[in-house]
């Protein structure tokens, strides 16, 4: 998770980055939870029904995350890993606190 602030004429644009492990052709469009990489950084586990052909799975992932966050799907984009299972999503207009709360919503509680 990282944050970027860019200047745009007359306003500041806030964006955050989110790691996601995507399973395409997964039988459902859903977020399966949160896992941690070898460094302890969280990433979402998600699956979509769309096949990984022609960017369909990436578009479905963008729509899924946007819907879960309650924002327009045009504000979520795959920034890295378009052809990989691990992807970095860039989410415009979302602050760190919002993203942390979003991730916590999907963490398993003991």
PDB file of N, CA and C in Angstrom:
ATOM      1  N   UNK A   1       0.857  -1.154   0.000  1.00  0.00           N
ATOM      2  CA  UNK A   1       0.000   0.000   0.000  1.00  0.00           C
ATOM      3  C   UNK A   1       0.909   1.224   0.000  1.00  0.00           C
ATOM      4  N   UNK A   2       0.678   2.111  -0.951  1.00  0.00           N
ATOM      5  CA  UNK A   2       1.450   3.334  -1.042  1.00  0.00           C
ATOM      6  C   UNK A   2       0.516   4.453  -1.458  1.00  0.00           C
ATOM      7  N   UNK A   3       0.929   5.655  -1.189  1.00  0.00           N
ATOM      8  CA  UNK A   3       0.081   6.794  -1.512  1.00  0.00           C
ATOM      9  C   UNK A   3       0.842   7.736  -2.420  1.00  0.00           C
ATOM     10  N   UNK A   4       0.146   8.323  -3.356  1.00  0.00           N
ATOM     11  CA  UNK A   4       0.714   9.301  -4.266  1.00  0.00           C
ATOM     12  C   UNK A   4      -0.169  10.532  -4.260  1.00  0.00           C
ATOM     13  N   UNK A   5       0.447  11.689  -4.221  1.00  0.00           N
ATOM     14  CA  UNK A   5      -0.298  12.936  -4.342  1.00  0.00           C
ATOM     15  C   UNK A   5       0.291  13.677  -5.533  1.00  0.00           C
ATOM     16  N   UNK A   6      -0.554  13.969  -6.515  1.00  0.00           N
ATOM     17  CA  UNK A   6      -0.110  14.672  -7.708  1.00  0.00           C
ATOM     18  C   UNK A   6      -0.866  15.981  -7.831  1.00  0.00           C
ATOM     19  N   UNK A   7      -0.179  16.981  -8.324  1.00  0.00           N
ATOM     20  CA  UNK A   7      -0.828  18.277  -8.538  1.00  0.00           C
ATOM     21  C   UNK A   7      -1.507  18.273  -9.895  1.00  0.00           C
ATOM     22  N   UNK A   8      -2.692  18.754  -9.941  1.00  0.00           N
ATOM     23  CA  UNK A   8      -3.467  18.923 -11.155  1.00  0.00           C
ATOM     24  C   UNK A   8      -3.931  20.371 -11.117  1.00  0.00           C
ATOM     25  N   UNK A   9      -4.028  21.048 -12.216  1.00  0.00           N
ATOM     26  CA  UNK A   9      -4.411  22.466 -12.161  1.00  0.00           C
ATOM     27  C   UNK A   9      -5.635  22.710 -11.276  1.00  0.00           C
ATOM     28  N   UNK A  10      -5.415  23.409 -10.169  1.00  0.00           N
ATOM     29  CA  UNK A  10      -6.507  23.785  -9.287  1.00  0.00           C
ATOM     30  C   UNK A  10      -6.875  22.767  -8.232  1.00  0.00           C
ATOM     31  N   UNK A  11      -6.228  21.569  -8.214  1.00  0.00           N
ATOM     32  CA  UNK A  11      -6.576  20.582  -7.189  1.00  0.00           C
ATOM     33  C   UNK A  11      -5.458  19.555  -7.016  1.00  0.00           C
ATOM     34  N   UNK A  12      -5.522  18.823  -5.929  1.00  0.00           N
ATOM     35  CA  UNK A  12      -4.580  17.734  -5.674  1.00  0.00           C
ATOM     36  C   UNK A  12      -5.298  16.419  -5.894  1.00  0.00           C
ATOM     37  N   UNK A  13      -4.625  15.487  -6.514  1.00  0.00           N
ATOM     38  CA  UNK A  13      -5.180  14.164  -6.720  1.00  0.00           C
ATOM     39  C   UNK A  13      -4.488  13.190  -5.783  1.00  0.00           C
ATOM     40  N   UNK A  14      -5.261  12.479  -5.014  1.00  0.00           N
ATOM     41  CA  UNK A  14      -4.749  11.502  -4.071  1.00  0.00           C
ATOM     42  C   UNK A  14      -4.981  10.123  -4.659  1.00  0.00           C
ATOM     43  N   UNK A  15      -3.992   9.265  -4.599  1.00  0.00           N
ATOM     44  CA  UNK A  15      -4.194   7.891  -5.051  1.00  0.00           C
ATOM     45  C   UNK A  15      -3.424   6.949  -4.145  1.00  0.00           C
ATOM     46  N   UNK A  16      -3.907   5.732  -4.079  1.00  0.00           N
ATOM     47  CA  UNK A  16      -3.270   4.704  -3.258  1.00  0.00           C
ATOM     48  C   UNK A  16      -3.036   3.475  -4.120  1.00  0.00           C
ATOM     49  N   UNK A  17      -2.059   2.683  -3.742  1.00  0.00           N
ATOM     50  CA  UNK A  17      -1.757   1.448  -4.463  1.00  0.00           C
ATOM     51  C   UNK A  17      -2.082   0.265  -3.568  1.00  0.00           C
ATOM     52  N   UNK A  18      -2.632  -0.772  -4.175  1.00  0.00           N
ATOM     53  CA  UNK A  18      -3.066  -1.957  -3.450  1.00  0.00           C
ATOM     54  C   UNK A  18      -2.612  -3.197  -4.199  1.00  0.00           C
ATOM     55  N   UNK A  19      -1.990  -4.130  -3.494  1.00  0.00           N
ATOM     56  CA  UNK A  19      -1.576  -5.398  -4.081  1.00  0.00           C
ATOM     57  C   UNK A  19      -2.751  -6.371  -4.054  1.00  0.00           C
ATOM     58  N   UNK A  20      -2.943  -7.093  -5.160  1.00  0.00           N
ATOM     59  CA  UNK A  20      -4.025  -8.071  -5.264  1.00  0.00           C
ATOM     60  C   UNK A  20      -3.507  -9.307  -5.976  1.00  0.00           C
ATOM     61  N   UNK A  21      -3.833 -10.471  -5.430  1.00  0.00           N
ATOM     62  CA  UNK A  21      -3.548 -11.747  -6.101  1.00  0.00           C
ATOM     63  C   UNK A  21      -4.855 -12.187  -6.748  1.00  0.00           C
ATOM     64  N   UNK A  22      -4.875 -12.241  -8.071  1.00  0.00           N
ATOM     65  CA  UNK A  22      -6.100 -12.514  -8.818  1.00  0.00           C
ATOM     66  C   UNK A  22      -6.146 -13.943  -9.333  1.00  0.00           C
ATOM     67  N   UNK A  23      -7.306 -14.572  -9.167  1.00  0.00           N
ATOM     68  CA  UNK A  23      -7.579 -15.872  -9.770  1.00  0.00           C
ATOM     69  C   UNK A  23      -8.642 -15.649 -10.843  1.00  0.00           C
ATOM     70  N   UNK A  24      -8.235 -15.654 -12.130  1.00  0.00           N
ATOM     71  CA  UNK A  24      -9.219 -15.505 -13.192  1.00  0.00           C
ATOM     72  C   UNK A  24      -9.965 -16.815 -13.414  1.00  0.00           C
ATOM     73  N   UNK A  25     -11.094 -16.762 -14.087  1.00  0.00           N
ATOM     74  CA  UNK A  25     -11.935 -17.943 -14.332  1.00  0.00           C
ATOM     75  C   UNK A  25     -12.218 -18.658 -13.015  1.00  0.00           C
ATOM     76  N   UNK A  26     -12.465 -17.876 -11.959  1.00  0.00           N
ATOM     77  CA  UNK A  26     -12.616 -18.403 -10.614  1.00  0.00           C
ATOM     78  C   UNK A  26     -14.018 -18.796 -10.221  1.00  0.00           C
ATOM     79  N   UNK A  27     -14.983 -18.709 -11.141  1.00  0.00           N
ATOM     80  CA  UNK A  27     -16.335 -19.159 -10.856  1.00  0.00           C
ATOM     81  C   UNK A  27     -17.228 -18.145 -10.167  1.00  0.00           C
ATOM     82  N   UNK A  28     -16.660 -17.068  -9.657  1.00  0.00           N
ATOM     83  CA  UNK A  28     -17.438 -16.026  -8.981  1.00  0.00           C
ATOM     84  C   UNK A  28     -16.603 -14.753  -8.955  1.00  0.00           C
ATOM     85  N   UNK A  29     -17.269 -13.631  -8.801  1.00  0.00           N
ATOM     86  CA  UNK A  29     -16.579 -12.360  -8.612  1.00  0.00           C
ATOM     87  C   UNK A  29     -16.639 -12.039  -7.129  1.00  0.00           C
ATOM     88  N   UNK A  30     -15.504 -12.212  -6.437  1.00  0.00           N
ATOM     89  CA  UNK A  30     -15.503 -11.941  -5.000  1.00  0.00           C
ATOM     90  C   UNK A  30     -14.090 -11.735  -4.475  1.00  0.00           C
ATOM     91  N   UNK A  31     -14.034 -11.091  -3.317  1.00  0.00           N
ATOM     92  CA  UNK A  31     -12.780 -10.935  -2.590  1.00  0.00           C
ATOM     93  C   UNK A  31     -12.759 -12.018  -1.537  1.00  0.00           C
ATOM     94  N   UNK A  32     -11.715 -12.850  -1.580  1.00  0.00           N
ATOM     95  CA  UNK A  32     -11.628 -14.018  -0.705  1.00  0.00           C
ATOM     96  C   UNK A  32     -10.950 -13.755   0.625  1.00  0.00           C
ATOM     97  N   UNK A  33     -10.333 -12.615   0.789  1.00  0.00           N
ATOM     98  CA  UNK A  33      -9.678 -12.325   2.058  1.00  0.00           C
ATOM     99  C   UNK A  33      -8.363 -11.617   1.860  1.00  0.00           C
ATOM    100  N   UNK A  34      -7.566 -11.645   2.904  1.00  0.00           N
ATOM    101  CA  UNK A  34      -6.271 -10.972   2.922  1.00  0.00           C
ATOM    102  C   UNK A  34      -5.203 -11.987   3.292  1.00  0.00           C
ATOM    103  N   UNK A  35      -4.063 -11.888   2.646  1.00  0.00           N
ATOM    104  CA  UNK A  35      -2.894 -12.696   2.998  1.00  0.00           C
ATOM    105  C   UNK A  35      -1.718 -11.732   3.133  1.00  0.00           C
ATOM    106  N   UNK A  36      -0.594 -12.257   3.562  1.00  0.00           N
ATOM    107  CA  UNK A  36       0.601 -11.417   3.721  1.00  0.00           C
ATOM    108  C   UNK A  36       1.752 -12.034   2.944  1.00  0.00           C
ATOM    109  N   UNK A  37       2.560 -11.167   2.334  1.00  0.00           N
ATOM    110  CA  UNK A  37       3.721 -11.651   1.594  1.00  0.00           C
ATOM    111  C   UNK A  37       4.860 -11.969   2.561  1.00  0.00           C
ATOM    112  N   UNK A  38       6.005 -12.335   2.033  1.00  0.00           N
ATOM    113  CA  UNK A  38       7.138 -12.732   2.868  1.00  0.00           C
ATOM    114  C   UNK A  38       7.653 -11.595   3.750  1.00  0.00           C
ATOM    115  N   UNK A  39       7.339 -10.352   3.383  1.00  0.00           N
ATOM    116  CA  UNK A  39       7.750  -9.194   4.179  1.00  0.00           C
ATOM    117  C   UNK A  39       6.665  -8.758   5.156  1.00  0.00           C
ATOM    118  N   UNK A  40       5.540  -9.474   5.170  1.00  0.00           N
ATOM    119  CA  UNK A  40       4.455  -9.149   6.080  1.00  0.00           C
ATOM    120  C   UNK A  40       3.479  -8.100   5.561  1.00  0.00           C
ATOM    121  N   UNK A  41       3.652  -7.693   4.305  1.00  0.00           N
ATOM    122  CA  UNK A  41       2.752  -6.690   3.723  1.00  0.00           C
ATOM    123  C   UNK A  41       1.465  -7.368   3.256  1.00  0.00           C
ATOM    124  N   UNK A  42       0.314  -6.751   3.526  1.00  0.00           N
ATOM    125  CA  UNK A  42      -0.953  -7.374   3.150  1.00  0.00           C
ATOM    126  C   UNK A  42      -1.258  -7.243   1.659  1.00  0.00           C
ATOM    127  N   UNK A  43      -1.966  -8.243   1.148  1.00  0.00           N
ATOM    128  CA  UNK A  43      -2.515  -8.160  -0.197  1.00  0.00           C
ATOM    129  C   UNK A  43      -3.870  -8.860  -0.198  1.00  0.00           C
ATOM    130  N   UNK A  44      -4.750  -8.389  -1.081  1.00  0.00           N
ATOM    131  CA  UNK A  44      -6.064  -9.004  -1.204  1.00  0.00           C
ATOM    132  C   UNK A  44      -5.977 -10.239  -2.077  1.00  0.00           C
ATOM    133  N   UNK A  45      -6.814 -11.213  -1.763  1.00  0.00           N
ATOM    134  CA  UNK A  45      -6.996 -12.374  -2.634  1.00  0.00           C
ATOM    135  C   UNK A  45      -8.363 -12.201  -3.276  1.00  0.00           C
ATOM    136  N   UNK A  46      -8.404 -12.217  -4.604  1.00  0.00           N
ATOM    137  CA  UNK A  46      -9.661 -12.009  -5.308  1.00  0.00           C
ATOM    138  C   UNK A  46      -9.792 -13.016  -6.441  1.00  0.00           C
ATOM    139  N   UNK A  47     -11.052 -13.258  -6.837  1.00  0.00           N
ATOM    140  CA  UNK A  47     -11.314 -14.120  -7.981  1.00  0.00           C
ATOM    141  C   UNK A  47     -12.411 -13.469  -8.817  1.00  0.00           C
ATOM    142  N   UNK A  48     -12.325 -13.699 -10.112  1.00  0.00           N
ATOM    143  CA  UNK A  48     -13.346 -13.197 -11.035  1.00  0.00           C
ATOM    144  C   UNK A  48     -13.735 -14.312 -11.996  1.00  0.00           C
ATOM    145  N   UNK A  49     -14.950 -14.224 -12.520  1.00  0.00           N
ATOM    146  CA  UNK A  49     -15.423 -15.223 -13.490  1.00  0.00           C
ATOM    147  C   UNK A  49     -14.754 -15.054 -14.836  1.00  0.00           C
ATOM    148  N   UNK A  50     -14.355 -13.850 -15.184  1.00  0.00           N
ATOM    149  CA  UNK A  50     -13.799 -13.549 -16.500  1.00  0.00           C
ATOM    150  C   UNK A  50     -12.488 -14.297 -16.742  1.00  0.00           C
ATOM    151  N   UNK A  51     -12.298 -14.684 -18.000  1.00  0.00           N
ATOM    152  CA  UNK A  51     -11.056 -15.345 -18.408  1.00  0.00           C
ATOM    153  C   UNK A  51      -9.955 -14.298 -18.591  1.00  0.00           C
ATOM    154  N   UNK A  52      -8.701 -14.733 -18.457  1.00  0.00           N
ATOM    155  CA  UNK A  52      -7.590 -13.789 -18.601  1.00  0.00           C
ATOM    156  C   UNK A  52      -7.240 -13.520 -20.063  1.00  0.00           C
ATOM    157  N   UNK A  53      -8.231 -13.218 -20.862  1.00  0.00           N
ATOM    158  CA  UNK A  53      -8.018 -12.963 -22.288  1.00  0.00           C
ATOM    159  C   UNK A  53      -8.458 -11.549 -22.621  1.00  0.00           C
ATOM    160  N   UNK A  54      -7.629 -10.828 -23.324  1.00  0.00           N
ATOM    161  CA  UNK A  54      -7.979  -9.494 -23.765  1.00  0.00           C
ATOM    162  C   UNK A  54      -8.233  -8.504 -22.645  1.00  0.00           C
ATOM    163  N   UNK A  55      -7.653  -8.723 -21.494  1.00  0.00           N
ATOM    164  CA  UNK A  55      -7.813  -7.803 -20.376  1.00  0.00           C
ATOM    165  C   UNK A  55      -9.151  -7.915 -19.654  1.00  0.00           C
ATOM    166  N   UNK A  56      -9.941  -8.943 -19.979  1.00  0.00           N
ATOM    167  CA  UNK A  56     -11.265  -9.089 -19.357  1.00  0.00           C
ATOM    168  C   UNK A  56     -11.181  -9.338 -17.854  1.00  0.00           C
ATOM    169  N   UNK A  57     -10.232 -10.159 -17.421  1.00  0.00           N
ATOM    170  CA  UNK A  57     -10.093 -10.438 -15.987  1.00  0.00           C
ATOM    171  C   UNK A  57      -9.642  -9.186 -15.237  1.00  0.00           C
ATOM    172  N   UNK A  58      -8.744  -8.415 -15.834  1.00  0.00           N
ATOM    173  CA  UNK A  58      -8.293  -7.175 -15.191  1.00  0.00           C
ATOM    174  C   UNK A  58      -9.444  -6.185 -15.062  1.00  0.00           C
ATOM    175  N   UNK A  59     -10.256  -6.062 -16.102  1.00  0.00           N
ATOM    176  CA  UNK A  59     -11.405  -5.148 -16.060  1.00  0.00           C
ATOM    177  C   UNK A  59     -12.407  -5.597 -14.996  1.00  0.00           C
ATOM    178  N   UNK A  60     -12.611  -6.911 -14.887  1.00  0.00           N
ATOM    179  CA  UNK A  60     -13.527  -7.433 -13.869  1.00  0.00           C
ATOM    180  C   UNK A  60     -12.982  -7.168 -12.469  1.00  0.00           C
ATOM    181  N   UNK A  61     -11.672  -7.287 -12.291  1.00  0.00           N
ATOM    182  CA  UNK A  61     -11.051  -7.001 -10.997  1.00  0.00           C
ATOM    183  C   UNK A  61     -11.218  -5.527 -10.644  1.00  0.00           C
ATOM    184  N   UNK A  62     -10.976  -4.644 -11.594  1.00  0.00           N
ATOM    185  CA  UNK A  62     -11.141  -3.210 -11.345  1.00  0.00           C
ATOM    186  C   UNK A  62     -12.575  -2.903 -10.911  1.00  0.00           C
ATOM    187  N   UNK A  63     -13.537  -3.489 -11.606  1.00  0.00           N
ATOM    188  CA  UNK A  63     -14.946  -3.266 -11.266  1.00  0.00           C
ATOM    189  C   UNK A  63     -15.282  -3.831  -9.889  1.00  0.00           C
ATOM    190  N   UNK A  64     -14.750  -5.009  -9.570  1.00  0.00           N
ATOM    191  CA  UNK A  64     -14.999  -5.657  -8.285  1.00  0.00           C
ATOM    192  C   UNK A  64     -14.484  -4.797  -7.127  1.00  0.00           C
ATOM    193  N   UNK A  65     -13.260  -4.335  -7.228  1.00  0.00           N
ATOM    194  CA  UNK A  65     -12.665  -3.535  -6.162  1.00  0.00           C
ATOM    195  C   UNK A  65     -13.371  -2.182  -6.046  1.00  0.00           C
ATOM    196  N   UNK A  66     -13.703  -1.580  -7.170  1.00  0.00           N
ATOM    197  CA  UNK A  66     -14.417  -0.304  -7.136  1.00  0.00           C
ATOM    198  C   UNK A  66     -15.766  -0.462  -6.438  1.00  0.00           C
ATOM    199  N   UNK A  67     -16.484  -1.512  -6.768  1.00  0.00           N
ATOM    200  CA  UNK A  67     -17.790  -1.746  -6.140  1.00  0.00           C
ATOM    201  C   UNK A  67     -17.628  -1.965  -4.640  1.00  0.00           C
ATOM    202  N   UNK A  68     -16.617  -2.745  -4.254  1.00  0.00           N
ATOM    203  CA  UNK A  68     -16.385  -3.017  -2.833  1.00  0.00           C
ATOM    204  C   UNK A  68     -16.019  -1.745  -2.068  1.00  0.00           C
ATOM    205  N   UNK A  69     -15.312  -0.838  -2.728  1.00  0.00           N
ATOM    206  CA  UNK A  69     -14.933   0.430  -2.102  1.00  0.00           C
ATOM    207  C   UNK A  69     -16.044   1.477  -2.190  1.00  0.00           C
ATOM    208  N   UNK A  70     -17.026   1.236  -3.061  1.00  0.00           N
ATOM    209  CA  UNK A  70     -18.104   2.197  -3.232  1.00  0.00           C
ATOM    210  C   UNK A  70     -17.708   3.416  -4.041  1.00  0.00           C
ATOM    211  N   UNK A  71     -16.808   3.199  -5.012  1.00  0.00           N
ATOM    212  CA  UNK A  71     -16.350   4.302  -5.856  1.00  0.00           C
ATOM    213  C   UNK A  71     -16.593   3.942  -7.321  1.00  0.00           C
ATOM    214  N   UNK A  72     -16.437   4.902  -8.208  1.00  0.00           N
ATOM    215  CA  UNK A  72     -16.595   4.668  -9.640  1.00  0.00           C
ATOM    216  C   UNK A  72     -15.491   3.744 -10.146  1.00  0.00           C
ATOM    217  N   UNK A  73     -15.852   2.830 -11.048  1.00  0.00           N
ATOM    218  CA  UNK A  73     -14.852   1.875 -11.521  1.00  0.00           C
ATOM    219  C   UNK A  73     -13.744   2.528 -12.336  1.00  0.00           C
ATOM    220  N   UNK A  74     -13.982   3.711 -12.855  1.00  0.00           N
ATOM    221  CA  UNK A  74     -12.943   4.430 -13.574  1.00  0.00           C
ATOM    222  C   UNK A  74     -11.823   4.933 -12.676  1.00  0.00           C
ATOM    223  N   UNK A  75     -12.011   4.867 -11.362  1.00  0.00           N
ATOM    224  CA  UNK A  75     -10.987   5.326 -10.410  1.00  0.00           C
ATOM    225  C   UNK A  75     -10.050   4.210  -9.985  1.00  0.00           C
ATOM    226  N   UNK A  76     -10.285   2.985 -10.480  1.00  0.00           N
ATOM    227  CA  UNK A  76      -9.425   1.845 -10.150  1.00  0.00           C
ATOM    228  C   UNK A  76      -8.792   1.336 -11.439  1.00  0.00           C
ATOM    229  N   UNK A  77      -7.482   1.170 -11.437  1.00  0.00           N
ATOM    230  CA  UNK A  77      -6.808   0.657 -12.630  1.00  0.00           C
ATOM    231  C   UNK A  77      -5.642  -0.240 -12.234  1.00  0.00           C
ATOM    232  N   UNK A  78      -5.349  -1.200 -13.101  1.00  0.00           N
ATOM    233  CA  UNK A  78      -4.194  -2.077 -12.900  1.00  0.00           C
ATOM    234  C   UNK A  78      -2.968  -1.282 -13.324  1.00  0.00           C
ATOM    235  N   UNK A  79      -2.100  -0.972 -12.360  1.00  0.00           N
ATOM    236  CA  UNK A  79      -0.908  -0.174 -12.625  1.00  0.00           C
ATOM    237  C   UNK A  79       0.292  -1.048 -12.981  1.00  0.00           C
ATOM    238  N   UNK A  80       0.344  -2.252 -12.408  1.00  0.00           N
ATOM    239  CA  UNK A  80       1.445  -3.193 -12.676  1.00  0.00           C
ATOM    240  C   UNK A  80       0.899  -4.602 -12.654  1.00  0.00           C
ATOM    241  N   UNK A  81       1.514  -5.471 -13.443  1.00  0.00           N
ATOM    242  CA  UNK A  81       1.171  -6.877 -13.408  1.00  0.00           C
ATOM    243  C   UNK A  81      -0.031  -7.257 -14.250  1.00  0.00           C
ATOM    244  N   UNK A  82      -0.270  -6.562 -15.334  1.00  0.00           N
ATOM    245  CA  UNK A  82      -1.442  -6.833 -16.163  1.00  0.00           C
ATOM    246  C   UNK A  82      -1.501  -8.294 -16.618  1.00  0.00           C
ATOM    247  N   UNK A  83      -0.357  -8.908 -16.850  1.00  0.00           N
ATOM    248  CA  UNK A  83      -0.332 -10.308 -17.304  1.00  0.00           C
ATOM    249  C   UNK A  83       0.092 -11.270 -16.194  1.00  0.00           C
ATOM    250  N   UNK A  84       0.254 -10.768 -14.985  1.00  0.00           N
ATOM    251  CA  UNK A  84       0.701 -11.596 -13.861  1.00  0.00           C
ATOM    252  C   UNK A  84      -0.452 -11.858 -12.898  1.00  0.00           C
ATOM    253  N   UNK A  85      -0.271 -12.844 -12.048  1.00  0.00           N
ATOM    254  CA  UNK A  85      -1.285 -13.135 -11.035  1.00  0.00           C
ATOM    255  C   UNK A  85      -1.301 -12.064  -9.944  1.00  0.00           C
ATOM    256  N   UNK A  86      -0.114 -11.595  -9.530  1.00  0.00           N
ATOM    257  CA  UNK A  86      -0.014 -10.514  -8.549  1.00  0.00           C
ATOM    258  C   UNK A  86      -0.071  -9.187  -9.285  1.00  0.00           C
ATOM    259  N   UNK A  87      -0.984  -8.346  -8.873  1.00  0.00           N
ATOM    260  CA  UNK A  87      -1.210  -7.077  -9.545  1.00  0.00           C
ATOM    261  C   UNK A  87      -1.123  -5.937  -8.546  1.00  0.00           C
ATOM    262  N   UNK A  88      -0.776  -4.774  -9.042  1.00  0.00           N
ATOM    263  CA  UNK A  88      -0.823  -3.562  -8.257  1.00  0.00           C
ATOM    264  C   UNK A  88      -1.926  -2.698  -8.837  1.00  0.00           C
ATOM    265  N   UNK A  89      -2.919  -2.400  -8.015  1.00  0.00           N
ATOM    266  CA  UNK A  89      -4.001  -1.526  -8.433  1.00  0.00           C
ATOM    267  C   UNK A  89      -3.712  -0.119  -7.951  1.00  0.00           C
ATOM    268  N   UNK A  90      -3.995   0.867  -8.788  1.00  0.00           N
ATOM    269  CA  UNK A  90      -3.929   2.261  -8.376  1.00  0.00           C
ATOM    270  C   UNK A  90      -5.365   2.736  -8.220  1.00  0.00           C
ATOM    271  N   UNK A  91      -5.651   3.304  -7.059  1.00  0.00           N
ATOM    272  CA  UNK A  91      -7.009   3.722  -6.725  1.00  0.00           C
ATOM    273  C   UNK A  91      -6.985   5.217  -6.465  1.00  0.00           C
ATOM    274  N   UNK A  92      -7.662   5.957  -7.316  1.00  0.00           N
ATOM    275  CA  UNK A  92      -7.680   7.416  -7.212  1.00  0.00           C
ATOM    276  C   UNK A  92      -8.703   7.883  -6.183  1.00  0.00           C
ATOM    277  N   UNK A  93      -8.328   8.907  -5.433  1.00  0.00           N
ATOM    278  CA  UNK A  93      -9.248   9.541  -4.507  1.00  0.00           C
ATOM    279  C   UNK A  93      -9.461   8.797  -3.208  1.00  0.00           C
ATOM    280  N   UNK A  94      -8.594   7.841  -2.906  1.00  0.00           N
ATOM    281  CA  UNK A  94      -8.717   7.050  -1.674  1.00  0.00           C
ATOM    282  C   UNK A  94      -7.474   7.291  -0.833  1.00  0.00           C
ATOM    283  N   UNK A  95      -7.678   7.619   0.433  1.00  0.00           N
ATOM    284  CA  UNK A  95      -6.568   7.860   1.340  1.00  0.00           C
ATOM    285  C   UNK A  95      -6.116   6.591   2.040  1.00  0.00           C
ATOM    286  N   UNK A  96      -4.997   6.695   2.721  1.00  0.00           N
ATOM    287  CA  UNK A  96      -4.443   5.548   3.438  1.00  0.00           C
ATOM    288  C   UNK A  96      -5.414   4.979   4.466  1.00  0.00           C
ATOM    289  N   UNK A  97      -6.067   5.841   5.224  1.00  0.00           N
ATOM    290  CA  UNK A  97      -6.987   5.377   6.271  1.00  0.00           C
ATOM    291  C   UNK A  97      -8.145   4.589   5.659  1.00  0.00           C
ATOM    292  N   UNK A  98      -8.655   5.069   4.528  1.00  0.00           N
ATOM    293  CA  UNK A  98      -9.744   4.367   3.848  1.00  0.00           C
ATOM    294  C   UNK A  98      -9.289   2.990   3.363  1.00  0.00           C
ATOM    295  N   UNK A  99      -8.079   2.931   2.816  1.00  0.00           N
ATOM    296  CA  UNK A  99      -7.560   1.671   2.291  1.00  0.00           C
ATOM    297  C   UNK A  99      -7.267   0.684   3.416  1.00  0.00           C
ATOM    298  N   UNK A 100      -6.739   1.158   4.531  1.00  0.00           N
ATOM    299  CA  UNK A 100      -6.482   0.282   5.681  1.00  0.00           C
ATOM    300  C   UNK A 100      -7.797  -0.287   6.205  1.00  0.00           C
ATOM    301  N   UNK A 101      -8.816   0.544   6.316  1.00  0.00           N
ATOM    302  CA  UNK A 101     -10.129   0.079   6.779  1.00  0.00           C
ATOM    303  C   UNK A 101     -10.709  -0.937   5.801  1.00  0.00           C
ATOM    304  N   UNK A 102     -10.533  -0.711   4.514  1.00  0.00           N
ATOM    305  CA  UNK A 102     -11.010  -1.636   3.486  1.00  0.00           C
ATOM    306  C   UNK A 102     -10.330  -2.995   3.621  1.00  0.00           C
ATOM    307  N   UNK A 103      -9.022  -3.000   3.784  1.00  0.00           N
ATOM    308  CA  UNK A 103      -8.271  -4.254   3.924  1.00  0.00           C
ATOM    309  C   UNK A 103      -8.701  -4.989   5.195  1.00  0.00           C
ATOM    310  N   UNK A 104      -8.832  -4.272   6.286  1.00  0.00           N
ATOM    311  CA  UNK A 104      -9.233  -4.889   7.568  1.00  0.00           C
ATOM    312  C   UNK A 104     -10.592  -5.570   7.472  1.00  0.00           C
ATOM    313  N   UNK A 105     -11.453  -5.046   6.622  1.00  0.00           N
ATOM    314  CA  UNK A 105     -12.779  -5.610   6.456  1.00  0.00           C
ATOM    315  C   UNK A 105     -12.707  -7.056   5.944  1.00  0.00           C
ATOM    316  N   UNK A 106     -11.627  -7.388   5.226  1.00  0.00           N
ATOM    317  CA  UNK A 106     -11.484  -8.712   4.627  1.00  0.00           C
ATOM    318  C   UNK A 106     -10.493  -9.610   5.363  1.00  0.00           C
ATOM    319  N   UNK A 107      -9.889  -9.122   6.424  1.00  0.00           N
ATOM    320  CA  UNK A 107      -8.966  -9.947   7.201  1.00  0.00           C
ATOM    321  C   UNK A 107      -9.749 -10.963   8.041  1.00  0.00           C
ATOM    322  N   UNK A 108      -9.189 -12.141   8.152  1.00  0.00           N
ATOM    323  CA  UNK A 108      -9.816 -13.163   8.996  1.00  0.00           C
ATOM    324  C   UNK A 108      -9.638 -12.768  10.449  1.00  0.00           C
ATOM    325  N   UNK A 109     -10.703 -12.857  11.201  1.00  0.00           N
ATOM    326  CA  UNK A 109     -10.618 -12.573  12.638  1.00  0.00           C
ATOM    327  C   UNK A 109     -10.643 -13.886  13.398  1.00  0.00           C
ATOM    328  N   UNK A 110      -9.757 -14.036  14.389  1.00  0.00           N
ATOM    329  CA  UNK A 110      -9.707 -15.310  15.122  1.00  0.00           C
ATOM    330  C   UNK A 110     -10.908 -15.539  16.003  1.00  0.00           C
TER     331      UNK A 110
END
